PDB file of all heavy atoms in Angstrom:
ATOM      1  N   TYR A   1     -12.851  23.893 -63.741  1.00  0.00           N
ATOM      2  CA  TYR A   1     -11.461  23.471 -63.720  1.00  0.00           C
ATOM      3  C   TYR A   1     -11.273  22.394 -62.671  1.00  0.00           C
ATOM      4  O   TYR A   1     -11.839  22.473 -61.574  1.00  0.00           O
ATOM      5  CB  TYR A   1     -10.550  24.662 -63.402  1.00  0.00           C
ATOM      6  CG  TYR A   1     -10.625  25.772 -64.421  1.00  0.00           C
ATOM      7  CD1 TYR A   1     -11.597  26.770 -64.311  1.00  0.00           C
ATOM      8  CD2 TYR A   1      -9.732  25.824 -65.490  1.00  0.00           C
ATOM      9  CE1 TYR A   1     -11.679  27.794 -65.249  1.00  0.00           C
ATOM     10  CE2 TYR A   1      -9.816  26.851 -66.433  1.00  0.00           C
ATOM     11  CZ  TYR A   1     -10.784  27.820 -66.299  1.00  0.00           C
ATOM     12  OH  TYR A   1     -10.864  28.823 -67.228  1.00  0.00           O
ATOM     13  N   LYS A   2     -10.455  21.415 -63.010  1.00  0.00           N
ATOM     14  CA  LYS A   2     -10.145  20.332 -62.075  1.00  0.00           C
ATOM     15  C   LYS A   2      -9.142  20.828 -61.036  1.00  0.00           C
ATOM     16  O   LYS A   2      -8.157  21.473 -61.369  1.00  0.00           O
ATOM     17  CB  LYS A   2      -9.550  19.149 -62.844  1.00  0.00           C
ATOM     18  CG  LYS A   2      -9.023  18.028 -61.955  1.00  0.00           C
ATOM     19  CD  LYS A   2     -10.146  17.268 -61.307  1.00  0.00           C
ATOM     20  CE  LYS A   2      -9.610  16.081 -60.486  1.00  0.00           C
ATOM     21  NZ  LYS A   2      -8.882  16.489 -59.280  1.00  0.00           N
ATOM     22  N   THR A   3      -9.402  20.515 -59.784  1.00  0.00           N
ATOM     23  CA  THR A   3      -8.422  20.806 -58.739  1.00  0.00           C
ATOM     24  C   THR A   3      -7.298  19.780 -58.831  1.00  0.00           C
ATOM     25  O   THR A   3      -7.538  18.584 -58.976  1.00  0.00           O
ATOM     26  CB  THR A   3      -9.058  20.743 -57.350  1.00  0.00           C
ATOM     27  OG1 THR A   3      -9.639  19.452 -57.141  1.00  0.00           O
ATOM     28  CG2 THR A   3     -10.160  21.789 -57.197  1.00  0.00           C
ATOM     29  N   VAL A   4      -6.048  20.242 -58.734  1.00  0.00           N
ATOM     30  CA  VAL A   4      -4.891  19.369 -58.881  1.00  0.00           C
ATOM     31  C   VAL A   4      -4.409  18.858 -57.525  1.00  0.00           C
ATOM     32  O   VAL A   4      -3.464  18.075 -57.435  1.00  0.00           O
ATOM     33  CB  VAL A   4      -3.764  20.107 -59.641  1.00  0.00           C
ATOM     34  CG1 VAL A   4      -2.532  19.243 -59.837  1.00  0.00           C
ATOM     35  CG2 VAL A   4      -4.267  20.567 -61.008  1.00  0.00           C
ATOM     36  N   ASN A   5      -5.053  19.271 -56.446  1.00  0.00           N
ATOM     37  CA  ASN A   5      -4.698  18.836 -55.083  1.00  0.00           C
ATOM     38  C   ASN A   5      -3.334  19.346 -54.637  1.00  0.00           C
ATOM     39  O   ASN A   5      -2.595  18.663 -53.930  1.00  0.00           O
ATOM     40  CB  ASN A   5      -4.775  17.314 -54.937  1.00  0.00           C
ATOM     41  CG  ASN A   5      -6.178  16.784 -55.128  1.00  0.00           C
ATOM     42  OD1 ASN A   5      -7.159  17.473 -54.851  1.00  0.00           O
ATOM     43  ND2 ASN A   5      -6.302  15.565 -55.628  1.00  0.00           N
ATOM     44  N   ILE A   6      -3.005  20.570 -55.079  1.00  0.00           N
ATOM     45  CA  ILE A   6      -1.879  21.316 -54.536  1.00  0.00           C
ATOM     46  C   ILE A   6      -2.408  22.700 -54.177  1.00  0.00           C
ATOM     47  O   ILE A   6      -3.022  23.370 -55.010  1.00  0.00           O
ATOM     48  CB  ILE A   6      -0.707  21.434 -55.529  1.00  0.00           C
ATOM     49  CG1 ILE A   6      -0.243  20.048 -55.991  1.00  0.00           C
ATOM     50  CG2 ILE A   6       0.455  22.186 -54.896  1.00  0.00           C
ATOM     51  CD1 ILE A   6       0.895  20.103 -56.997  1.00  0.00           C
ATOM     52  N   TYR A   7      -2.176  23.113 -52.946  1.00  0.00           N
ATOM     53  CA  TYR A   7      -2.645  24.397 -52.438  1.00  0.00           C
ATOM     54  C   TYR A   7      -1.506  25.079 -51.693  1.00  0.00           C
ATOM     55  O   TYR A   7      -0.609  24.415 -51.181  1.00  0.00           O
ATOM     56  CB  TYR A   7      -3.802  24.219 -51.447  1.00  0.00           C
ATOM     57  CG  TYR A   7      -5.026  23.519 -51.975  1.00  0.00           C
ATOM     58  CD1 TYR A   7      -5.078  22.130 -52.063  1.00  0.00           C
ATOM     59  CD2 TYR A   7      -6.153  24.240 -52.363  1.00  0.00           C
ATOM     60  CE1 TYR A   7      -6.206  21.476 -52.543  1.00  0.00           C
ATOM     61  CE2 TYR A   7      -7.295  23.593 -52.835  1.00  0.00           C
ATOM     62  CZ  TYR A   7      -7.315  22.209 -52.921  1.00  0.00           C
ATOM     63  OH  TYR A   7      -8.429  21.572 -53.383  1.00  0.00           O
ATOM     64  N   SER A   8      -1.571  26.408 -51.594  1.00  0.00           N
ATOM     65  CA  SER A   8      -0.701  27.121 -50.675  1.00  0.00           C
ATOM     66  C   SER A   8      -1.569  28.002 -49.790  1.00  0.00           C
ATOM     67  O   SER A   8      -2.605  28.508 -50.234  1.00  0.00           O
ATOM     68  CB  SER A   8       0.327  27.972 -51.432  1.00  0.00           C
ATOM     69  OG  SER A   8      -0.304  29.002 -52.179  1.00  0.00           O
ATOM     70  N   PHE A   9      -1.132  28.159 -48.535  1.00  0.00           N
ATOM     71  CA  PHE A   9      -1.928  28.920 -47.574  1.00  0.00           C
ATOM     72  C   PHE A   9      -1.066  29.899 -46.805  1.00  0.00           C
ATOM     73  O   PHE A   9       0.048  29.575 -46.388  1.00  0.00           O
ATOM     74  CB  PHE A   9      -2.617  27.977 -46.577  1.00  0.00           C
ATOM     75  CG  PHE A   9      -3.604  27.042 -47.208  1.00  0.00           C
ATOM     76  CD1 PHE A   9      -3.373  25.684 -47.221  1.00  0.00           C
ATOM     77  CD2 PHE A   9      -4.762  27.520 -47.798  1.00  0.00           C
ATOM     78  CE1 PHE A   9      -4.265  24.805 -47.806  1.00  0.00           C
ATOM     79  CE2 PHE A   9      -5.667  26.658 -48.399  1.00  0.00           C
ATOM     80  CZ  PHE A   9      -5.420  25.293 -48.401  1.00  0.00           C
ATOM     81  N   SER A  10      -1.593  31.097 -46.604  1.00  0.00           N
ATOM     82  CA  SER A  10      -0.987  32.046 -45.688  1.00  0.00           C
ATOM     83  C   SER A  10      -1.273  31.575 -44.267  1.00  0.00           C
ATOM     84  O   SER A  10      -2.133  30.713 -44.031  1.00  0.00           O
ATOM     85  CB  SER A  10      -1.574  33.438 -45.901  1.00  0.00           C
ATOM     86  OG  SER A  10      -2.971  33.440 -45.618  1.00  0.00           O
ATOM     87  N   LEU A  11      -0.552  32.146 -43.318  1.00  0.00           N
ATOM     88  CA  LEU A  11      -0.766  31.750 -41.923  1.00  0.00           C
ATOM     89  C   LEU A  11      -2.162  32.139 -41.454  1.00  0.00           C
ATOM     90  O   LEU A  11      -2.820  31.380 -40.735  1.00  0.00           O
ATOM     91  CB  LEU A  11       0.298  32.390 -41.031  1.00  0.00           C
ATOM     92  CG  LEU A  11       0.286  31.981 -39.554  1.00  0.00           C
ATOM     93  CD1 LEU A  11       0.389  30.473 -39.395  1.00  0.00           C
ATOM     94  CD2 LEU A  11       1.419  32.679 -38.802  1.00  0.00           C
ATOM     95  N   SER A  12      -2.646  33.302 -41.868  1.00  0.00           N
ATOM     96  CA  SER A  12      -3.981  33.719 -41.450  1.00  0.00           C
ATOM     97  C   SER A  12      -5.056  32.790 -42.017  1.00  0.00           C
ATOM     98  O   SER A  12      -6.011  32.429 -41.311  1.00  0.00           O
ATOM     99  CB  SER A  12      -4.243  35.169 -41.875  1.00  0.00           C
ATOM    100  OG  SER A  12      -4.078  35.322 -43.276  1.00  0.00           O
ATOM    101  N   SER A  13      -4.903  32.384 -43.275  1.00  0.00           N
ATOM    102  CA  SER A  13      -5.855  31.432 -43.846  1.00  0.00           C
ATOM    103  C   SER A  13      -5.794  30.095 -43.125  1.00  0.00           C
ATOM    104  O   SER A  13      -6.835  29.476 -42.855  1.00  0.00           O
ATOM    105  CB  SER A  13      -5.561  31.220 -45.336  1.00  0.00           C
ATOM    106  OG  SER A  13      -5.835  32.378 -46.087  1.00  0.00           O
ATOM    107  N   TRP A  14      -4.588  29.637 -42.808  1.00  0.00           N
ATOM    108  CA  TRP A  14      -4.419  28.365 -42.112  1.00  0.00           C
ATOM    109  C   TRP A  14      -5.095  28.398 -40.749  1.00  0.00           C
ATOM    110  O   TRP A  14      -5.730  27.425 -40.342  1.00  0.00           O
ATOM    111  CB  TRP A  14      -2.934  28.042 -41.993  1.00  0.00           C
ATOM    112  CG  TRP A  14      -2.565  26.805 -41.234  1.00  0.00           C
ATOM    113  CD1 TRP A  14      -1.626  26.700 -40.239  1.00  0.00           C
ATOM    114  CD2 TRP A  14      -3.075  25.474 -41.409  1.00  0.00           C
ATOM    115  NE1 TRP A  14      -1.520  25.414 -39.791  1.00  0.00           N
ATOM    116  CE2 TRP A  14      -2.396  24.634 -40.490  1.00  0.00           C
ATOM    117  CE3 TRP A  14      -4.038  24.918 -42.254  1.00  0.00           C
ATOM    118  CZ2 TRP A  14      -2.654  23.260 -40.392  1.00  0.00           C
ATOM    119  CZ3 TRP A  14      -4.308  23.550 -42.152  1.00  0.00           C
ATOM    120  CH2 TRP A  14      -3.625  22.739 -41.232  1.00  0.00           C
ATOM    121  N   HIS A  15      -5.007  29.515 -40.029  1.00  0.00           N
ATOM    122  CA  HIS A  15      -5.677  29.619 -38.735  1.00  0.00           C
ATOM    123  C   HIS A  15      -7.187  29.498 -38.893  1.00  0.00           C
ATOM    124  O   HIS A  15      -7.854  28.817 -38.093  1.00  0.00           O
ATOM    125  CB  HIS A  15      -5.326  30.947 -38.058  1.00  0.00           C
ATOM    126  CG  HIS A  15      -3.935  30.985 -37.503  1.00  0.00           C
ATOM    127  ND1 HIS A  15      -3.302  32.142 -37.143  1.00  0.00           N
ATOM    128  CD2 HIS A  15      -3.047  29.984 -37.233  1.00  0.00           C
ATOM    129  CE1 HIS A  15      -2.096  31.879 -36.686  1.00  0.00           C
ATOM    130  NE2 HIS A  15      -1.914  30.577 -36.733  1.00  0.00           N
ATOM    131  N   ARG A  16      -7.734  30.126 -39.912  1.00  0.00           N
ATOM    132  CA  ARG A  16      -9.177  30.018 -40.140  1.00  0.00           C
ATOM    133  C   ARG A  16      -9.559  28.599 -40.555  1.00  0.00           C
ATOM    134  O   ARG A  16     -10.611  28.084 -40.152  1.00  0.00           O
ATOM    135  CB  ARG A  16      -9.621  31.032 -41.203  1.00  0.00           C
ATOM    136  CG  ARG A  16      -9.529  32.484 -40.758  1.00  0.00           C
ATOM    137  CD  ARG A  16     -10.247  33.412 -41.723  1.00  0.00           C
ATOM    138  NE  ARG A  16      -9.640  33.405 -43.051  1.00  0.00           N
ATOM    139  CZ  ARG A  16      -8.652  34.199 -43.424  1.00  0.00           C
ATOM    140  NH1 ARG A  16      -8.127  35.056 -42.571  1.00  0.00           N
ATOM    141  NH2 ARG A  16      -8.177  34.147 -44.664  1.00  0.00           N
ATOM    142  N   ILE A  17      -8.713  27.975 -41.359  1.00  0.00           N
ATOM    143  CA  ILE A  17      -8.987  26.600 -41.789  1.00  0.00           C
ATOM    144  C   ILE A  17      -8.978  25.654 -40.593  1.00  0.00           C
ATOM    145  O   ILE A  17      -9.862  24.789 -40.463  1.00  0.00           O
ATOM    146  CB  ILE A  17      -7.958  26.149 -42.846  1.00  0.00           C
ATOM    147  CG1 ILE A  17      -8.195  26.887 -44.164  1.00  0.00           C
ATOM    148  CG2 ILE A  17      -8.026  24.641 -43.070  1.00  0.00           C
ATOM    149  CD1 ILE A  17      -7.076  26.731 -45.175  1.00  0.00           C
ATOM    150  N   THR A  18      -7.995  25.790 -39.702  1.00  0.00           N
ATOM    151  CA  THR A  18      -7.930  24.872 -38.558  1.00  0.00           C
ATOM    152  C   THR A  18      -9.131  25.050 -37.634  1.00  0.00           C
ATOM    153  O   THR A  18      -9.609  24.072 -37.049  1.00  0.00           O
ATOM    154  CB  THR A  18      -6.623  25.068 -37.768  1.00  0.00           C
ATOM    155  OG1 THR A  18      -6.488  26.434 -37.364  1.00  0.00           O
ATOM    156  CG2 THR A  18      -5.419  24.670 -38.607  1.00  0.00           C
ATOM    157  N   GLU A  19      -9.618  26.264 -37.514  1.00  0.00           N
ATOM    158  CA  GLU A  19     -10.829  26.468 -36.713  1.00  0.00           C
ATOM    159  C   GLU A  19     -12.002  25.703 -37.305  1.00  0.00           C
ATOM    160  O   GLU A  19     -12.783  25.071 -36.577  1.00  0.00           O
ATOM    161  CB  GLU A  19     -11.158  27.962 -36.637  1.00  0.00           C
ATOM    162  CG  GLU A  19     -10.191  28.769 -35.787  1.00  0.00           C
ATOM    163  CD  GLU A  19     -10.515  30.248 -35.808  1.00  0.00           C
ATOM    164  OE1 GLU A  19     -11.531  30.634 -36.458  1.00  0.00           O
ATOM    165  OE2 GLU A  19      -9.772  31.036 -35.182  1.00  0.00           O
ATOM    166  N   ARG A  20     -12.115  25.736 -38.625  1.00  0.00           N
ATOM    167  CA  ARG A  20     -13.210  25.029 -39.283  1.00  0.00           C
ATOM    168  C   ARG A  20     -12.989  23.516 -39.220  1.00  0.00           C
ATOM    169  O   ARG A  20     -13.952  22.749 -39.038  1.00  0.00           O
ATOM    170  CB  ARG A  20     -13.326  25.489 -40.736  1.00  0.00           C
ATOM    171  CG  ARG A  20     -14.673  25.182 -41.389  1.00  0.00           C
ATOM    172  CD  ARG A  20     -15.806  26.017 -40.782  1.00  0.00           C
ATOM    173  NE  ARG A  20     -15.589  27.439 -40.914  1.00  0.00           N
ATOM    174  CZ  ARG A  20     -16.098  28.192 -41.885  1.00  0.00           C
ATOM    175  NH1 ARG A  20     -16.863  27.632 -42.827  1.00  0.00           N
ATOM    176  NH2 ARG A  20     -15.895  29.503 -41.914  1.00  0.00           N
ATOM    177  N   LEU A  21     -11.745  23.086 -39.360  1.00  0.00           N
ATOM    178  CA  LEU A  21     -11.442  21.663 -39.240  1.00  0.00           C
ATOM    179  C   LEU A  21     -11.807  21.148 -37.854  1.00  0.00           C
ATOM    180  O   LEU A  21     -12.347  20.039 -37.710  1.00  0.00           O
ATOM    181  CB  LEU A  21      -9.960  21.404 -39.510  1.00  0.00           C
ATOM    182  CG  LEU A  21      -9.476  21.578 -40.950  1.00  0.00           C
ATOM    183  CD1 LEU A  21      -7.949  21.490 -41.003  1.00  0.00           C
ATOM    184  CD2 LEU A  21     -10.080  20.527 -41.866  1.00  0.00           C
ATOM    185  N   ASP A  22     -11.514  21.929 -36.830  1.00  0.00           N
ATOM    186  CA  ASP A  22     -11.866  21.539 -35.459  1.00  0.00           C
ATOM    187  C   ASP A  22     -13.366  21.273 -35.347  1.00  0.00           C
ATOM    188  O   ASP A  22     -13.796  20.311 -34.686  1.00  0.00           O
ATOM    189  CB  ASP A  22     -11.465  22.636 -34.467  1.00  0.00           C
ATOM    190  CG  ASP A  22      -9.983  22.649 -34.144  1.00  0.00           C
ATOM    191  OD1 ASP A  22      -9.311  21.625 -34.365  1.00  0.00           O
ATOM    192  OD2 ASP A  22      -9.488  23.695 -33.665  1.00  0.00           O
ATOM    193  N   GLN A  23     -14.157  22.103 -35.981  1.00  0.00           N
ATOM    194  CA  GLN A  23     -15.609  21.936 -35.927  1.00  0.00           C
ATOM    195  C   GLN A  23     -16.035  20.620 -36.584  1.00  0.00           C
ATOM    196  O   GLN A  23     -16.887  19.896 -36.055  1.00  0.00           O
ATOM    197  CB  GLN A  23     -16.291  23.122 -36.604  1.00  0.00           C
ATOM    198  CG  GLN A  23     -16.060  24.453 -35.929  1.00  0.00           C
ATOM    199  CD  GLN A  23     -16.611  25.618 -36.735  1.00  0.00           C
ATOM    200  OE1 GLN A  23     -17.386  25.437 -37.677  1.00  0.00           O
ATOM    201  NE2 GLN A  23     -16.206  26.833 -36.386  1.00  0.00           N
ATOM    202  N   TYR A  24     -15.448  20.320 -37.734  1.00  0.00           N
ATOM    203  CA  TYR A  24     -15.792  19.095 -38.442  1.00  0.00           C
ATOM    204  C   TYR A  24     -15.380  17.858 -37.644  1.00  0.00           C
ATOM    205  O   TYR A  24     -16.154  16.904 -37.512  1.00  0.00           O
ATOM    206  CB  TYR A  24     -15.105  19.069 -39.817  1.00  0.00           C
ATOM    207  CG  TYR A  24     -15.911  19.733 -40.910  1.00  0.00           C
ATOM    208  CD1 TYR A  24     -16.163  21.105 -40.884  1.00  0.00           C
ATOM    209  CD2 TYR A  24     -16.424  18.993 -41.971  1.00  0.00           C
ATOM    210  CE1 TYR A  24     -16.881  21.713 -41.899  1.00  0.00           C
ATOM    211  CE2 TYR A  24     -17.145  19.591 -42.983  1.00  0.00           C
ATOM    212  CZ  TYR A  24     -17.380  20.960 -42.936  1.00  0.00           C
ATOM    213  OH  TYR A  24     -18.107  21.549 -43.930  1.00  0.00           O
ATOM    214  N   ILE A  25     -14.156  17.859 -37.148  1.00  0.00           N
ATOM    215  CA  ILE A  25     -13.669  16.690 -36.408  1.00  0.00           C
ATOM    216  C   ILE A  25     -14.457  16.508 -35.123  1.00  0.00           C
ATOM    217  O   ILE A  25     -14.807  15.374 -34.751  1.00  0.00           O
ATOM    218  CB  ILE A  25     -12.167  16.817 -36.114  1.00  0.00           C
ATOM    219  CG1 ILE A  25     -11.375  16.963 -37.422  1.00  0.00           C
ATOM    220  CG2 ILE A  25     -11.675  15.604 -35.327  1.00  0.00           C
ATOM    221  CD1 ILE A  25     -11.597  15.862 -38.428  1.00  0.00           C
ATOM    222  N   SER A  26     -14.758  17.604 -34.434  1.00  0.00           N
ATOM    223  CA  SER A  26     -15.553  17.516 -33.205  1.00  0.00           C
ATOM    224  C   SER A  26     -16.936  16.942 -33.470  1.00  0.00           C
ATOM    225  O   SER A  26     -17.524  16.265 -32.613  1.00  0.00           O
ATOM    226  CB  SER A  26     -15.684  18.901 -32.557  1.00  0.00           C
ATOM    227  OG  SER A  26     -14.429  19.388 -32.141  1.00  0.00           O
ATOM    228  N   ALA A  27     -17.443  17.183 -34.676  1.00  0.00           N
ATOM    229  CA  ALA A  27     -18.761  16.665 -35.061  1.00  0.00           C
ATOM    230  C   ALA A  27     -18.674  15.240 -35.597  1.00  0.00           C
ATOM    231  O   ALA A  27     -19.694  14.668 -36.015  1.00  0.00           O
ATOM    232  CB  ALA A  27     -19.397  17.575 -36.096  1.00  0.00           C
ATOM    233  N   GLY A  28     -17.473  14.665 -35.587  1.00  0.00           N
ATOM    234  CA  GLY A  28     -17.305  13.291 -36.044  1.00  0.00           C
ATOM    235  C   GLY A  28     -17.213  13.127 -37.554  1.00  0.00           C
ATOM    236  O   GLY A  28     -17.281  12.003 -38.064  1.00  0.00           O
ATOM    237  N   ARG A  29     -16.996  14.221 -38.257  1.00  0.00           N
ATOM    238  CA  ARG A  29     -16.965  14.157 -39.726  1.00  0.00           C
ATOM    239  C   ARG A  29     -15.536  13.865 -40.218  1.00  0.00           C
ATOM    240  O   ARG A  29     -14.946  14.627 -40.985  1.00  0.00           O
ATOM    241  CB  ARG A  29     -17.506  15.456 -40.317  1.00  0.00           C
ATOM    242  CG  ARG A  29     -18.968  15.699 -39.959  1.00  0.00           C
ATOM    243  CD  ARG A  29     -19.511  16.984 -40.543  1.00  0.00           C
ATOM    244  NE  ARG A  29     -19.515  16.970 -42.001  1.00  0.00           N
ATOM    245  CZ  ARG A  29     -20.047  17.948 -42.745  1.00  0.00           C
ATOM    246  NH1 ARG A  29     -20.615  18.990 -42.167  1.00  0.00           N
ATOM    247  NH2 ARG A  29     -20.001  17.867 -44.066  1.00  0.00           N
ATOM    248  N   VAL A  30     -14.999  12.736 -39.783  1.00  0.00           N
ATOM    249  CA  VAL A  30     -13.610  12.382 -40.087  1.00  0.00           C
ATOM    250  C   VAL A  30     -13.458  11.734 -41.457  1.00  0.00           C
ATOM    251  O   VAL A  30     -12.335  11.515 -41.915  1.00  0.00           O
ATOM    252  CB  VAL A  30     -13.043  11.439 -38.998  1.00  0.00           C
ATOM    253  CG1 VAL A  30     -13.010  12.132 -37.654  1.00  0.00           C
ATOM    254  CG2 VAL A  30     -13.853  10.141 -38.925  1.00  0.00           C
ATOM    255  N   ASN A  31     -14.568  11.434 -42.115  1.00  0.00           N
ATOM    256  CA  ASN A  31     -14.500  10.800 -43.436  1.00  0.00           C
ATOM    257  C   ASN A  31     -14.851  11.756 -44.571  1.00  0.00           C
ATOM    258  O   ASN A  31     -15.001  11.328 -45.715  1.00  0.00           O
ATOM    259  CB  ASN A  31     -15.420   9.573 -43.483  1.00  0.00           C
ATOM    260  CG  ASN A  31     -14.776   8.371 -42.819  1.00  0.00           C
ATOM    261  OD1 ASN A  31     -13.689   7.950 -43.210  1.00  0.00           O
ATOM    262  ND2 ASN A  31     -15.420   7.829 -41.808  1.00  0.00           N
ATOM    263  N   ASP A  32     -14.940  13.039 -44.257  1.00  0.00           N
ATOM    264  CA  ASP A  32     -15.138  14.027 -45.306  1.00  0.00           C
ATOM    265  C   ASP A  32     -13.803  14.277 -46.017  1.00  0.00           C
ATOM    266  O   ASP A  32     -12.735  13.912 -45.531  1.00  0.00           O
ATOM    267  CB  ASP A  32     -15.641  15.345 -44.714  1.00  0.00           C
ATOM    268  CG  ASP A  32     -17.128  15.307 -44.403  1.00  0.00           C
ATOM    269  OD1 ASP A  32     -17.754  14.242 -44.594  1.00  0.00           O
ATOM    270  OD2 ASP A  32     -17.672  16.327 -43.960  1.00  0.00           O
ATOM    271  N   TYR A  33     -13.881  14.921 -47.163  1.00  0.00           N
ATOM    272  CA  TYR A  33     -12.689  15.422 -47.844  1.00  0.00           C
ATOM    273  C   TYR A  33     -12.443  16.859 -47.397  1.00  0.00           C
ATOM    274  O   TYR A  33     -13.404  17.603 -47.144  1.00  0.00           O
ATOM    275  CB  TYR A  33     -12.866  15.378 -49.355  1.00  0.00           C
ATOM    276  CG  TYR A  33     -12.940  13.982 -49.928  1.00  0.00           C
ATOM    277  CD1 TYR A  33     -14.160  13.397 -50.227  1.00  0.00           C
ATOM    278  CD2 TYR A  33     -11.776  13.257 -50.170  1.00  0.00           C
ATOM    279  CE1 TYR A  33     -14.231  12.110 -50.761  1.00  0.00           C
ATOM    280  CE2 TYR A  33     -11.831  11.975 -50.706  1.00  0.00           C
ATOM    281  CZ  TYR A  33     -13.063  11.413 -50.997  1.00  0.00           C
ATOM    282  OH  TYR A  33     -13.122  10.151 -51.514  1.00  0.00           O
TER     283      TYR A  33
END
């Protein structure tokens, strides 16, 4: 299935996502999707 680029997140999921985003940005991976 094609992703339509609309998502919803609970607060707990968002906290886990931001932790992972921090890791990517700290590693310089600013051009990833």
